[in-house]
Amino acid sequence: QVQLVESGGGLVQPGGSLRLSCAASGIIFSRYAMSWYRQAPGKERQWVATISRFGSTSYADARKGRFAISRDNAKNTVYLQMNSLKPEDTAVYYCYSQSDYWGQGTQVTVSS
């Protein structure tokens, strides 16, 4: 059974940082690109970043420079480091495997 379990979300003040984690099981993690998406209330889910199986990364333009995706194949885990957070970053963040599985999401709220 494939599981992607996100963690690390929470409430943070504007300008703060969070690191999200997504632990995968039931897949050969190192074979797949992994991505992060997010969905704000009343909005469509949007792509945030992707890391290939080889470690190359790509980002949505608005997140470049503030967010960093990384992976640890030994731990079957993908991370999203988020810095200089803004209120508009508030959303549920989901990880996604190229094997077409989604995690359940973790809430990130940026507010003073």
PDB file of N, CA and C in Angstrom:
ATOM      1  N   GLN A   1       0.848  -1.190   0.000  1.00  0.00           N
ATOM      2  CA  GLN A   1       0.000   0.000   0.000  1.00  0.00           C
ATOM      3  C   GLN A   1       0.889   1.246   0.000  1.00  0.00           C
ATOM      4  N   VAL A   2       0.611   2.145  -0.937  1.00  0.00           N
ATOM      5  CA  VAL A   2       1.402   3.358  -1.046  1.00  0.00           C
ATOM      6  C   VAL A   2       0.877   4.397  -0.065  1.00  0.00           C
ATOM      7  N   GLN A   3       1.804   5.014   0.648  1.00  0.00           N
ATOM      8  CA  GLN A   3       1.433   6.116   1.545  1.00  0.00           C
ATOM      9  C   GLN A   3       2.434   7.246   1.407  1.00  0.00           C
ATOM     10  N   LEU A   4       1.904   8.449   1.330  1.00  0.00           N
ATOM     11  CA  LEU A   4       2.714   9.663   1.395  1.00  0.00           C
ATOM     12  C   LEU A   4       2.178  10.458   2.578  1.00  0.00           C
ATOM     13  N   VAL A   5       3.020  10.704   3.568  1.00  0.00           N
ATOM     14  CA  VAL A   5       2.575  11.352   4.792  1.00  0.00           C
ATOM     15  C   VAL A   5       3.351  12.643   4.999  1.00  0.00           C
ATOM     16  N   GLU A   6       2.628  13.761   4.888  1.00  0.00           N
ATOM     17  CA  GLU A   6       3.244  15.070   5.088  1.00  0.00           C
ATOM     18  C   GLU A   6       3.255  15.445   6.567  1.00  0.00           C
ATOM     19  N   SER A   7       4.211  16.264   6.938  1.00  0.00           N
ATOM     20  CA  SER A   7       4.287  16.806   8.280  1.00  0.00           C
ATOM     21  C   SER A   7       5.062  18.111   8.235  1.00  0.00           C
ATOM     22  N   GLY A   8       4.999  18.863   9.339  1.00  0.00           N
ATOM     23  CA  GLY A   8       5.780  20.083   9.444  1.00  0.00           C
ATOM     24  C   GLY A   8       4.995  21.363   9.255  1.00  0.00           C
ATOM     25  N   GLY A   9       3.724  21.253   8.915  1.00  0.00           N
ATOM     26  CA  GLY A   9       2.920  22.455   8.776  1.00  0.00           C
ATOM     27  C   GLY A   9       2.605  23.077  10.125  1.00  0.00           C
ATOM     28  N   GLY A  10       1.982  24.247  10.078  1.00  0.00           N
ATOM     29  CA  GLY A  10       1.617  24.925  11.307  1.00  0.00           C
ATOM     30  C   GLY A  10       1.378  26.398  11.079  1.00  0.00           C
ATOM     31  N   LEU A  11       1.329  27.131  12.177  1.00  0.00           N
ATOM     32  CA  LEU A  11       1.114  28.577  12.157  1.00  0.00           C
ATOM     33  C   LEU A  11       2.462  29.275  12.294  1.00  0.00           C
ATOM     34  N   VAL A  12       2.737  30.213  11.410  1.00  0.00           N
ATOM     35  CA  VAL A  12       4.000  30.949  11.441  1.00  0.00           C
ATOM     36  C   VAL A  12       3.716  32.404  11.112  1.00  0.00           C
ATOM     37  N   GLN A  13       4.518  33.292  11.677  1.00  0.00           N
ATOM     38  CA  GLN A  13       4.353  34.712  11.409  1.00  0.00           C
ATOM     39  C   GLN A  13       4.936  35.070  10.042  1.00  0.00           C
ATOM     40  N   PRO A  14       4.434  36.134   9.437  1.00  0.00           N
ATOM     41  CA  PRO A  14       5.032  36.589   8.175  1.00  0.00           C
ATOM     42  C   PRO A  14       6.533  36.805   8.332  1.00  0.00           C
ATOM     43  N   GLY A  15       7.278  36.362   7.314  1.00  0.00           N
ATOM     44  CA  GLY A  15       8.728  36.435   7.370  1.00  0.00           C
ATOM     45  C   GLY A  15       9.386  35.210   7.970  1.00  0.00           C
ATOM     46  N   GLY A  16       8.601  34.341   8.546  1.00  0.00           N
ATOM     47  CA  GLY A  16       9.131  33.143   9.183  1.00  0.00           C
ATOM     48  C   GLY A  16       9.410  32.023   8.201  1.00  0.00           C
ATOM     49  N   SER A  17       9.836  30.886   8.757  1.00  0.00           N
ATOM     50  CA  SER A  17      10.211  29.736   7.935  1.00  0.00           C
ATOM     51  C   SER A  17       9.542  28.467   8.470  1.00  0.00           C
ATOM     52  N   LEU A  18       9.348  27.537   7.577  1.00  0.00           N
ATOM     53  CA  LEU A  18       8.884  26.198   7.918  1.00  0.00           C
ATOM     54  C   LEU A  18       9.570  25.201   6.996  1.00  0.00           C
ATOM     55  N   ARG A  19       9.759  23.986   7.498  1.00  0.00           N
ATOM     56  CA  ARG A  19      10.217  22.909   6.632  1.00  0.00           C
ATOM     57  C   ARG A  19       9.190  21.784   6.665  1.00  0.00           C
ATOM     58  N   LEU A  20       8.641  21.502   5.503  1.00  0.00           N
ATOM     59  CA  LEU A  20       7.695  20.411   5.362  1.00  0.00           C
ATOM     60  C   LEU A  20       8.442  19.139   4.983  1.00  0.00           C
ATOM     61  N   SER A  21       7.918  18.021   5.447  1.00  0.00           N
ATOM     62  CA  SER A  21       8.462  16.712   5.097  1.00  0.00           C
ATOM     63  C   SER A  21       7.357  15.843   4.527  1.00  0.00           C
ATOM     64  N   CYS A  22       7.732  14.944   3.659  1.00  0.00           N
ATOM     65  CA  CYS A  22       6.791  13.965   3.104  1.00  0.00           C
ATOM     66  C   CYS A  22       7.497  12.625   3.081  1.00  0.00           C
ATOM     67  N   ALA A  23       7.034  11.722   3.917  1.00  0.00           N
ATOM     68  CA  ALA A  23       7.628  10.393   4.004  1.00  0.00           C
ATOM     69  C   ALA A  23       6.818   9.419   3.159  1.00  0.00           C
ATOM     70  N   ALA A  24       7.510   8.711   2.286  1.00  0.00           N
ATOM     71  CA  ALA A  24       6.862   7.784   1.366  1.00  0.00           C
ATOM     72  C   ALA A  24       7.102   6.344   1.780  1.00  0.00           C
ATOM     73  N   SER A  25       6.100   5.515   1.553  1.00  0.00           N
ATOM     74  CA  SER A  25       6.240   4.075   1.750  1.00  0.00           C
ATOM     75  C   SER A  25       5.422   3.363   0.689  1.00  0.00           C
ATOM     76  N   GLY A  26       5.825   2.135   0.384  1.00  0.00           N
ATOM     77  CA  GLY A  26       5.094   1.355  -0.597  1.00  0.00           C
ATOM     78  C   GLY A  26       5.483   1.614  -2.031  1.00  0.00           C
ATOM     79  N   ILE A  27       6.451   2.493  -2.250  1.00  0.00           N
ATOM     80  CA  ILE A  27       6.968   2.741  -3.595  1.00  0.00           C
ATOM     81  C   ILE A  27       8.488   2.690  -3.551  1.00  0.00           C
ATOM     82  N   ILE A  28       9.096   2.466  -4.706  1.00  0.00           N
ATOM     83  CA  ILE A  28      10.554   2.565  -4.792  1.00  0.00           C
ATOM     84  C   ILE A  28      10.851   4.043  -4.999  1.00  0.00           C
ATOM     85  N   PHE A  29      11.013   4.725  -3.888  1.00  0.00           N
ATOM     86  CA  PHE A  29      11.040   6.189  -3.845  1.00  0.00           C
ATOM     87  C   PHE A  29      12.054   6.772  -4.812  1.00  0.00           C
ATOM     88  N   SER A  30      13.233   6.172  -4.882  1.00  0.00           N
ATOM     89  CA  SER A  30      14.324   6.759  -5.668  1.00  0.00           C
ATOM     90  C   SER A  30      14.044   6.741  -7.165  1.00  0.00           C
ATOM     91  N   ARG A  31      13.020   6.022  -7.596  1.00  0.00           N
ATOM     92  CA  ARG A  31      12.723   5.929  -9.025  1.00  0.00           C
ATOM     93  C   ARG A  31      11.864   7.078  -9.537  1.00  0.00           C
ATOM     94  N   TYR A  32      11.290   7.860  -8.616  1.00  0.00           N
ATOM     95  CA  TYR A  32      10.267   8.813  -9.018  1.00  0.00           C
ATOM     96  C   TYR A  32      10.620  10.252  -8.693  1.00  0.00           C
ATOM     97  N   ALA A  33      10.232  11.135  -9.613  1.00  0.00           N
ATOM     98  CA  ALA A  33      10.233  12.548  -9.274  1.00  0.00           C
ATOM     99  C   ALA A  33       9.162  12.786  -8.213  1.00  0.00           C
ATOM    100  N   MET A  34       9.409  13.780  -7.373  1.00  0.00           N
ATOM    101  CA  MET A  34       8.474  14.146  -6.320  1.00  0.00           C
ATOM    102  C   MET A  34       8.170  15.638  -6.422  1.00  0.00           C
ATOM    103  N   SER A  35       6.947  15.984  -6.082  1.00  0.00           N
ATOM    104  CA  SER A  35       6.531  17.382  -6.198  1.00  0.00           C
ATOM    105  C   SER A  35       5.778  17.828  -4.955  1.00  0.00           C
ATOM    106  N   TRP A  36       5.712  19.118  -4.808  1.00  0.00           N
ATOM    107  CA  TRP A  36       4.838  19.757  -3.822  1.00  0.00           C
ATOM    108  C   TRP A  36       3.829  20.621  -4.570  1.00  0.00           C
ATOM    109  N   TYR A  37       2.591  20.557  -4.105  1.00  0.00           N
ATOM    110  CA  TYR A  37       1.516  21.405  -4.578  1.00  0.00           C
ATOM    111  C   TYR A  37       0.897  22.077  -3.359  1.00  0.00           C
ATOM    112  N   ARG A  38       0.082  23.077  -3.627  1.00  0.00           N
ATOM    113  CA  ARG A  38      -0.657  23.688  -2.528  1.00  0.00           C
ATOM    114  C   ARG A  38      -2.026  24.128  -3.013  1.00  0.00           C
ATOM    115  N   GLN A  39      -2.945  24.226  -2.063  1.00  0.00           N
ATOM    116  CA  GLN A  39      -4.302  24.658  -2.389  1.00  0.00           C
ATOM    117  C   GLN A  39      -4.807  25.577  -1.280  1.00  0.00           C
ATOM    118  N   ALA A  40      -5.060  26.810  -1.667  1.00  0.00           N
ATOM    119  CA  ALA A  40      -5.628  27.790  -0.742  1.00  0.00           C
ATOM    120  C   ALA A  40      -7.148  27.683  -0.778  1.00  0.00           C
ATOM    121  N   PRO A  41      -7.834  28.126   0.277  1.00  0.00           N
ATOM    122  CA  PRO A  41      -9.305  28.039   0.305  1.00  0.00           C
ATOM    123  C   PRO A  41      -9.927  28.736  -0.900  1.00  0.00           C
ATOM    124  N   GLY A  42     -10.818  28.034  -1.569  1.00  0.00           N
ATOM    125  CA  GLY A  42     -11.520  28.609  -2.700  1.00  0.00           C
ATOM    126  C   GLY A  42     -10.721  28.714  -3.972  1.00  0.00           C
ATOM    127  N   LYS A  43      -9.513  28.162  -3.968  1.00  0.00           N
ATOM    128  CA  LYS A  43      -8.654  28.249  -5.159  1.00  0.00           C
ATOM    129  C   LYS A  43      -8.280  26.860  -5.647  1.00  0.00           C
ATOM    130  N   GLU A  44      -7.816  26.817  -6.894  1.00  0.00           N
ATOM    131  CA  GLU A  44      -7.383  25.545  -7.460  1.00  0.00           C
ATOM    132  C   GLU A  44      -6.027  25.143  -6.875  1.00  0.00           C
ATOM    133  N   ARG A  45      -5.774  23.858  -6.904  1.00  0.00           N
ATOM    134  CA  ARG A  45      -4.469  23.360  -6.478  1.00  0.00           C
ATOM    135  C   ARG A  45      -3.420  23.839  -7.470  1.00  0.00           C
ATOM    136  N   GLN A  46      -2.290  24.321  -6.945  1.00  0.00           N
ATOM    137  CA  GLN A  46      -1.250  24.845  -7.812  1.00  0.00           C
ATOM    138  C   GLN A  46       0.083  24.186  -7.500  1.00  0.00           C
ATOM    139  N   TRP A  47       0.868  24.041  -8.540  1.00  0.00           N
ATOM    140  CA  TRP A  47       2.183  23.423  -8.429  1.00  0.00           C
ATOM    141  C   TRP A  47       3.142  24.372  -7.736  1.00  0.00           C
ATOM    142  N   VAL A  48       3.977  23.808  -6.855  1.00  0.00           N
ATOM    143  CA  VAL A  48       4.964  24.603  -6.135  1.00  0.00           C
ATOM    144  C   VAL A  48       6.381  24.291  -6.612  1.00  0.00           C
ATOM    145  N   ALA A  49       6.740  23.004  -6.613  1.00  0.00           N
ATOM    146  CA  ALA A  49       8.113  22.634  -6.958  1.00  0.00           C
ATOM    147  C   ALA A  49       8.178  21.140  -7.249  1.00  0.00           C
ATOM    148  N   THR A  50       9.210  20.752  -8.004  1.00  0.00           N
ATOM    149  CA  THR A  50       9.471  19.354  -8.331  1.00  0.00           C
ATOM    150  C   THR A  50      10.952  19.066  -8.207  1.00  0.00           C
ATOM    151  N   ILE A  51      11.269  17.861  -7.744  1.00  0.00           N
ATOM    152  CA  ILE A  51      12.642  17.393  -7.743  1.00  0.00           C
ATOM    153  C   ILE A  51      12.670  16.058  -8.477  1.00  0.00           C
ATOM    154  N   SER A  52      13.570  15.945  -9.432  1.00  0.00           N
ATOM    155  CA  SER A  52      13.655  14.719 -10.226  1.00  0.00           C
ATOM    156  C   SER A  52      14.285  13.603  -9.401  1.00  0.00           C
ATOM    157  N   ARG A  53      14.277  12.419  -9.948  1.00  0.00           N
ATOM    158  CA  ARG A  53      14.911  11.291  -9.264  1.00  0.00           C
ATOM    159  C   ARG A  53      16.407  11.506  -9.152  1.00  0.00           C
ATOM    160  N   PHE A  54      16.956  12.359 -10.009  1.00  0.00           N
ATOM    161  CA  PHE A  54      18.386  12.633  -9.988  1.00  0.00           C
ATOM    162  C   PHE A  54      18.743  13.862  -9.169  1.00  0.00           C
ATOM    163  N   GLY A  55      17.709  14.578  -8.667  1.00  0.00           N
ATOM    164  CA  GLY A  55      17.965  15.715  -7.796  1.00  0.00           C
ATOM    165  C   GLY A  55      17.870  17.073  -8.450  1.00  0.00           C
ATOM    166  N   SER A  56      17.562  17.121  -9.733  1.00  0.00           N
ATOM    167  CA  SER A  56      17.388  18.436 -10.350  1.00  0.00           C
ATOM    168  C   SER A  56      16.036  18.995  -9.923  1.00  0.00           C
ATOM    169  N   THR A  57      15.986  20.313  -9.787  1.00  0.00           N
ATOM    170  CA  THR A  57      14.806  20.954  -9.210  1.00  0.00           C
ATOM    171  C   THR A  57      14.202  21.986 -10.150  1.00  0.00           C
ATOM    172  N   SER A  58      12.922  22.215  -9.984  1.00  0.00           N
ATOM    173  CA  SER A  58      12.235  23.271 -10.712  1.00  0.00           C
ATOM    174  C   SER A  58      11.168  23.845  -9.798  1.00  0.00           C
ATOM    175  N   TYR A  59      10.866  25.126 -10.021  1.00  0.00           N
ATOM    176  CA  TYR A  59       9.966  25.856  -9.138  1.00  0.00           C
ATOM    177  C   TYR A  59       8.997  26.711  -9.941  1.00  0.00           C
ATOM    178  N   ALA A  60       7.811  26.895  -9.353  1.00  0.00           N
ATOM    179  CA  ALA A  60       6.926  27.918  -9.886  1.00  0.00           C
ATOM    180  C   ALA A  60       7.614  29.262  -9.674  1.00  0.00           C
ATOM    181  N   ASP A  61       7.497  30.151 -10.644  1.00  0.00           N
ATOM    182  CA  ASP A  61       8.263  31.407 -10.622  1.00  0.00           C
ATOM    183  C   ASP A  61       8.093  32.169  -9.309  1.00  0.00           C
ATOM    184  N   ALA A  62       6.880  32.221  -8.804  1.00  0.00           N
ATOM    185  CA  ALA A  62       6.618  33.024  -7.607  1.00  0.00           C
ATOM    186  C   ALA A  62       7.295  32.469  -6.364  1.00  0.00           C
ATOM    187  N   ARG A  63       7.723  31.210  -6.405  1.00  0.00           N
ATOM    188  CA  ARG A  63       8.354  30.610  -5.224  1.00  0.00           C
ATOM    189  C   ARG A  63       9.877  30.534  -5.339  1.00  0.00           C
ATOM    190  N   LYS A  64      10.390  30.840  -6.511  1.00  0.00           N
ATOM    191  CA  LYS A  64      11.847  30.790  -6.674  1.00  0.00           C
ATOM    192  C   LYS A  64      12.520  31.726  -5.699  1.00  0.00           C
ATOM    193  N   GLY A  65      13.576  31.248  -5.091  1.00  0.00           N
ATOM    194  CA  GLY A  65      14.350  32.071  -4.176  1.00  0.00           C
ATOM    195  C   GLY A  65      13.868  32.003  -2.747  1.00  0.00           C
ATOM    196  N   ARG A  66      12.606  31.645  -2.505  1.00  0.00           N
ATOM    197  CA  ARG A  66      12.087  31.540  -1.145  1.00  0.00           C
ATOM    198  C   ARG A  66      11.911  30.093  -0.711  1.00  0.00           C
ATOM    199  N   PHE A  67      11.596  29.217  -1.656  1.00  0.00           N
ATOM    200  CA  PHE A  67      11.342  27.811  -1.353  1.00  0.00           C
ATOM    201  C   PHE A  67      12.463  26.948  -1.916  1.00  0.00           C
ATOM    202  N   ALA A  68      12.745  25.849  -1.235  1.00  0.00           N
ATOM    203  CA  ALA A  68      13.749  24.905  -1.715  1.00  0.00           C
ATOM    204  C   ALA A  68      13.258  23.483  -1.481  1.00  0.00           C
ATOM    205  N   ILE A  69      13.220  22.707  -2.558  1.00  0.00           N
ATOM    206  CA  ILE A  69      12.825  21.302  -2.459  1.00  0.00           C
ATOM    207  C   ILE A  69      14.083  20.444  -2.430  1.00  0.00           C
ATOM    208  N   SER A  70      14.052  19.390  -1.640  1.00  0.00           N
ATOM    209  CA  SER A  70      15.174  18.467  -1.567  1.00  0.00           C
ATOM    210  C   SER A  70      14.639  17.078  -1.255  1.00  0.00           C
ATOM    211  N   ARG A  71      15.506  16.087  -1.377  1.00  0.00           N
ATOM    212  CA  ARG A  71      15.076  14.719  -1.094  1.00  0.00           C
ATOM    213  C   ARG A  71      16.207  13.941  -0.451  1.00  0.00           C
ATOM    214  N   ASP A  72      15.818  12.953   0.329  1.00  0.00           N
ATOM    215  CA  ASP A  72      16.761  12.024   0.941  1.00  0.00           C
ATOM    216  C   ASP A  72      16.272  10.629   0.587  1.00  0.00           C
ATOM    217  N   ASN A  73      16.874  10.038  -0.419  1.00  0.00           N
ATOM    218  CA  ASN A  73      16.403   8.732  -0.886  1.00  0.00           C
ATOM    219  C   ASN A  73      16.612   7.638   0.165  1.00  0.00           C
ATOM    220  N   ALA A  74      17.601   7.807   1.019  1.00  0.00           N
ATOM    221  CA  ALA A  74      17.833   6.811   2.067  1.00  0.00           C
ATOM    222  C   ALA A  74      16.692   6.804   3.087  1.00  0.00           C
ATOM    223  N   LYS A  75      16.032   7.958   3.225  1.00  0.00           N
ATOM    224  CA  LYS A  75      14.924   8.071   4.176  1.00  0.00           C
ATOM    225  C   LYS A  75      13.563   8.069   3.488  1.00  0.00           C
ATOM    226  N   ASN A  76      13.562   7.923   2.164  1.00  0.00           N
ATOM    227  CA  ASN A  76      12.301   7.960   1.401  1.00  0.00           C
ATOM    228  C   ASN A  76      11.494   9.213   1.716  1.00  0.00           C
ATOM    229  N   THR A  77      12.177  10.336   1.784  1.00  0.00           N
ATOM    230  CA  THR A  77      11.536  11.568   2.219  1.00  0.00           C
ATOM    231  C   THR A  77      11.897  12.723   1.294  1.00  0.00           C
ATOM    232  N   VAL A  78      10.901  13.541   1.005  1.00  0.00           N
ATOM    233  CA  VAL A  78      11.104  14.773   0.264  1.00  0.00           C
ATOM    234  C   VAL A  78      10.757  15.936   1.197  1.00  0.00           C
ATOM    235  N   TYR A  79      11.482  17.029   1.046  1.00  0.00           N
ATOM    236  CA  TYR A  79      11.321  18.182   1.928  1.00  0.00           C
ATOM    237  C   TYR A  79      10.976  19.431   1.112  1.00  0.00           C
ATOM    238  N   LEU A  80      10.356  20.373   1.788  1.00  0.00           N
ATOM    239  CA  LEU A  80      10.145  21.700   1.218  1.00  0.00           C
ATOM    240  C   LEU A  80      10.509  22.716   2.296  1.00  0.00           C
ATOM    241  N   GLN A  81      11.634  23.388   2.098  1.00  0.00           N
ATOM    242  CA  GLN A  81      12.040  24.469   2.989  1.00  0.00           C
ATOM    243  C   GLN A  81      11.406  25.749   2.477  1.00  0.00           C
ATOM    244  N   MET A  82      10.665  26.413   3.342  1.00  0.00           N
ATOM    245  CA  MET A  82       9.965  27.634   2.959  1.00  0.00           C
ATOM    246  C   MET A  82      10.450  28.779   3.841  1.00  0.00           C
ATOM    247  N   ASN A  83      10.987  29.800   3.207  1.00  0.00           N
ATOM    248  CA  ASN A  83      11.522  30.962   3.920  1.00  0.00           C
ATOM    249  C   ASN A  83      10.761  32.225   3.521  1.00  0.00           C
ATOM    250  N   SER A  84      10.919  33.264   4.331  1.00  0.00           N
ATOM    251  CA  SER A  84      10.273  34.558   4.043  1.00  0.00           C
ATOM    252  C   SER A  84       8.796  34.366   3.717  1.00  0.00           C
ATOM    253  N   LEU A  85       8.123  33.631   4.552  1.00  0.00           N
ATOM    254  CA  LEU A  85       6.723  33.294   4.278  1.00  0.00           C
ATOM    255  C   LEU A  85       5.833  34.521   4.326  1.00  0.00           C
ATOM    256  N   LYS A  86       4.825  34.489   3.458  1.00  0.00           N
ATOM    257  CA  LYS A  86       3.870  35.585   3.321  1.00  0.00           C
ATOM    258  C   LYS A  86       2.474  35.064   3.611  1.00  0.00           C
ATOM    259  N   PRO A  87       1.561  35.936   3.988  1.00  0.00           N
ATOM    260  CA  PRO A  87       0.180  35.474   4.223  1.00  0.00           C
ATOM    261  C   PRO A  87      -0.409  34.740   3.018  1.00  0.00           C
ATOM    262  N   GLU A  88      -0.034  35.150   1.826  1.00  0.00           N
ATOM    263  CA  GLU A  88      -0.563  34.485   0.634  1.00  0.00           C
ATOM    264  C   GLU A  88      -0.002  33.083   0.415  1.00  0.00           C
ATOM    265  N   ASP A  89       0.962  32.673   1.238  1.00  0.00           N
ATOM    266  CA  ASP A  89       1.446  31.292   1.198  1.00  0.00           C
ATOM    267  C   ASP A  89       0.556  30.353   2.005  1.00  0.00           C
ATOM    268  N   THR A  90      -0.424  30.904   2.704  1.00  0.00           N
ATOM    269  CA  THR A  90      -1.344  30.081   3.476  1.00  0.00           C
ATOM    270  C   THR A  90      -2.109  29.127   2.565  1.00  0.00           C
ATOM    271  N   ALA A  91      -2.037  27.845   2.877  1.00  0.00           N
ATOM    272  CA  ALA A  91      -2.659  26.823   2.034  1.00  0.00           C
ATOM    273  C   ALA A  91      -2.446  25.462   2.683  1.00  0.00           C
ATOM    274  N   VAL A  92      -3.124  24.466   2.147  1.00  0.00           N
ATOM    275  CA  VAL A  92      -2.792  23.078   2.443  1.00  0.00           C
ATOM    276  C   VAL A  92      -1.744  22.649   1.427  1.00  0.00           C
ATOM    277  N   TYR A  93      -0.654  22.115   1.914  1.00  0.00           N
ATOM    278  CA  TYR A  93       0.446  21.687   1.066  1.00  0.00           C
ATOM    279  C   TYR A  93       0.418  20.160   0.925  1.00  0.00           C
ATOM    280  N   TYR A  94       0.514  19.713  -0.325  1.00  0.00           N
ATOM    281  CA  TYR A  94       0.440  18.290  -0.638  1.00  0.00           C
ATOM    282  C   TYR A  94       1.719  17.833  -1.319  1.00  0.00           C
ATOM    283  N   CYS A  95       2.168  16.640  -1.010  1.00  0.00           N
ATOM    284  CA  CYS A  95       3.231  16.078  -1.830  1.00  0.00           C
ATOM    285  C   CYS A  95       2.625  15.088  -2.814  1.00  0.00           C
ATOM    286  N   TYR A  96       3.317  14.938  -3.910  1.00  0.00           N
ATOM    287  CA  TYR A  96       2.831  14.122  -5.029  1.00  0.00           C
ATOM    288  C   TYR A  96       3.997  13.351  -5.602  1.00  0.00           C
ATOM    289  N   SER A  97       3.750  12.067  -5.835  1.00  0.00           N
ATOM    290  CA  SER A  97       4.752  11.217  -6.456  1.00  0.00           C
ATOM    291  C   SER A  97       4.437  11.043  -7.935  1.00  0.00           C
ATOM    292  N   GLN A  98       5.466  11.011  -8.741  1.00  0.00           N
ATOM    293  CA  GLN A  98       5.305  10.764 -10.175  1.00  0.00           C
ATOM    294  C   GLN A  98       4.604   9.436 -10.442  1.00  0.00           C
ATOM    295  N   SER A  99       4.591   8.554  -9.424  1.00  0.00           N
ATOM    296  CA  SER A  99       3.848   7.300  -9.538  1.00  0.00           C
ATOM    297  C   SER A  99       2.349   7.523  -9.363  1.00  0.00           C
ATOM    298  N   ASP A 100       1.950   8.798  -9.281  1.00  0.00           N
ATOM    299  CA  ASP A 100       0.543   9.216  -9.264  1.00  0.00           C
ATOM    300  C   ASP A 100      -0.153   8.953  -7.938  1.00  0.00           C
ATOM    301  N   TYR A 101       0.554   9.273  -6.859  1.00  0.00           N
ATOM    302  CA  TYR A 101      -0.046   9.219  -5.538  1.00  0.00           C
ATOM    303  C   TYR A 101       0.097  10.576  -4.848  1.00  0.00           C
ATOM    304  N   TRP A 102      -0.922  10.898  -4.053  1.00  0.00           N
ATOM    305  CA  TRP A 102      -0.955  12.138  -3.290  1.00  0.00           C
ATOM    306  C   TRP A 102      -0.910  11.845  -1.801  1.00  0.00           C
ATOM    307  N   GLY A 103      -0.324  12.764  -1.065  1.00  0.00           N
ATOM    308  CA  GLY A 103      -0.434  12.731   0.376  1.00  0.00           C
ATOM    309  C   GLY A 103      -1.741  13.375   0.822  1.00  0.00           C
ATOM    310  N   GLN A 104      -1.976  13.380   2.124  1.00  0.00           N
ATOM    311  CA  GLN A 104      -3.228  13.899   2.659  1.00  0.00           C
ATOM    312  C   GLN A 104      -3.184  15.399   2.905  1.00  0.00           C
ATOM    313  N   GLY A 105      -1.992  15.976   2.857  1.00  0.00           N
ATOM    314  CA  GLY A 105      -1.845  17.415   3.009  1.00  0.00           C
ATOM    315  C   GLY A 105      -1.497  17.838   4.420  1.00  0.00           C
ATOM    316  N   THR A 106      -0.832  18.984   4.516  1.00  0.00           N
ATOM    317  CA  THR A 106      -0.516  19.587   5.805  1.00  0.00           C
ATOM    318  C   THR A 106      -0.799  21.081   5.703  1.00  0.00           C
ATOM    319  N   GLN A 107      -1.464  21.615   6.721  1.00  0.00           N
ATOM    320  CA  GLN A 107      -1.895  23.012   6.691  1.00  0.00           C
ATOM    321  C   GLN A 107      -0.744  23.934   7.065  1.00  0.00           C
ATOM    322  N   VAL A 108      -0.549  24.953   6.253  1.00  0.00           N
ATOM    323  CA  VAL A 108       0.391  26.029   6.562  1.00  0.00           C
ATOM    324  C   VAL A 108      -0.397  27.322   6.648  1.00  0.00           C
ATOM    325  N   THR A 109      -0.294  28.004   7.771  1.00  0.00           N
ATOM    326  CA  THR A 109      -0.978  29.275   7.963  1.00  0.00           C
ATOM    327  C   THR A 109       0.049  30.338   8.320  1.00  0.00           C
ATOM    328  N   VAL A 110       0.077  31.388   7.522  1.00  0.00           N
ATOM    329  CA  VAL A 110       1.006  32.494   7.749  1.00  0.00           C
ATOM    330  C   VAL A 110       0.193  33.700   8.199  1.00  0.00           C
ATOM    331  N   SER A 111       0.351  34.059   9.453  1.00  0.00           N
ATOM    332  CA  SER A 111      -0.469  35.123  10.014  1.00  0.00           C
ATOM    333  C   SER A 111       0.193  35.681  11.258  1.00  0.00           C
ATOM    334  N   SER A 112      -0.030  36.982  11.484  1.00  0.00           N
ATOM    335  CA  SER A 112       0.486  37.598  12.704  1.00  0.00           C
ATOM    336  C   SER A 112      -0.584  37.568  13.787  1.00  0.00           C
TER     337      SER A 112
END
